[in-house]
Amino acid sequence: TKSALVLRDMDLLTELNKQGLVAVAMSVTSLDHKLSRRLEPRASTPEKRLEALRLLSAAGIPTRVMAAPMIPA
């Protein structure tokens, strides 16, 4: 996902995780806010995406970062 709104489903994700049925992957193409806004104008900011990953991970939900392509690089 590109959206930090996945946190709205934390209760469902927590229940699914108890059965080993869920993992959340978040794409992060750049940590530069301005560049990110130009590439993905309606997606969550990089900061919000990383915070969502932190909260999900802290809740014990397996998380992954899809970091390709990294821009600029």
Protein backbone atom coordinates (compact mmCIF):
# COMPACT_ATOMS: atom_id res chain seq x y z
CA THR A 1 0.00 0.00 0.00
CA LYS A 2 0.95 3.65 -0.27
CA SER A 3 -1.51 4.79 2.36
CA ALA A 4 -1.09 5.23 6.09
CA LEU A 5 -4.86 4.77 6.29
CA VAL A 6 -4.13 1.06 6.69
CA LEU A 7 -3.98 1.95 10.40
CA ARG A 8 -7.77 2.29 10.39
CA ASP A 9 -7.88 -1.50 10.11
CA MET A 10 -5.46 -2.16 12.96
CA ASP A 11 -8.10 -4.16 14.87
CA LEU A 12 -8.73 -6.44 11.90
CA LEU A 13 -5.05 -6.78 11.09
CA THR A 14 -4.30 -7.68 14.72
CA GLU A 15 -6.93 -10.44 14.66
CA LEU A 16 -5.68 -11.80 11.34
CA ASN A 17 -2.11 -11.71 12.63
CA LYS A 18 -3.08 -14.00 15.53
CA GLN A 19 -3.74 -16.64 12.88
CA GLY A 20 -0.63 -15.79 10.85
CA LEU A 21 -2.74 -14.56 7.95
CA VAL A 22 -1.49 -11.03 7.40
CA ALA A 23 1.53 -8.89 6.60
CA VAL A 24 1.58 -5.26 5.51
CA ALA A 25 3.93 -3.99 2.79
CA MET A 26 4.33 -0.27 2.26
CA SER A 27 5.99 1.27 -0.78
CA VAL A 28 8.45 4.09 -0.15
CA THR A 29 9.95 5.53 -3.32
CA SER A 30 11.58 8.58 -1.76
CA LEU A 31 12.04 10.15 1.64
CA ASP A 32 11.98 13.61 0.04
CA HIS A 33 8.55 15.09 0.76
CA LYS A 34 8.47 17.42 -2.25
CA LEU A 35 9.56 14.73 -4.69
CA SER A 36 7.14 12.23 -3.20
CA ARG A 37 4.28 14.71 -3.58
CA ARG A 38 5.12 15.21 -7.26
CA LEU A 39 5.37 11.47 -7.98
CA GLU A 40 2.38 10.37 -5.90
CA PRO A 41 0.20 13.44 -5.30
CA ARG A 42 -2.60 11.72 -3.39
CA ALA A 43 -0.56 9.15 -1.47
CA SER A 44 0.49 9.44 2.17
CA THR A 45 3.71 11.32 2.87
CA PRO A 46 6.87 9.29 3.42
CA GLU A 47 6.82 10.27 7.09
CA LYS A 48 3.27 8.99 7.56
CA ARG A 49 4.09 5.75 5.77
CA LEU A 50 7.10 5.10 8.00
CA GLU A 51 5.08 5.95 11.10
CA ALA A 52 2.36 3.52 10.02
CA LEU A 53 4.99 0.81 9.58
CA ARG A 54 6.38 1.58 13.02
CA LEU A 55 2.94 1.31 14.65
CA LEU A 56 2.05 -1.88 12.81
CA SER A 57 5.38 -3.46 13.70
CA ALA A 58 5.00 -2.40 17.34
CA ALA A 59 1.63 -4.20 17.34
CA GLY A 60 3.41 -7.37 16.20
CA ILE A 61 2.09 -7.28 12.65
CA PRO A 62 4.74 -8.36 10.11
CA THR A 63 5.76 -5.40 7.95
CA ARG A 64 7.80 -4.95 4.82
CA VAL A 65 9.11 -1.95 2.91
CA MET A 66 9.02 -1.98 -0.87
CA ALA A 67 11.86 0.39 -1.68
CA ALA A 68 12.23 0.19 -5.41
CA PRO A 69 12.84 2.26 -7.32
CA MET A 70 14.57 4.61 -4.90
CA ILE A 71 14.32 8.12 -6.29
CA PRO A 72 16.64 9.95 -6.72
CA ALA A 73 19.20 7.29 -7.32
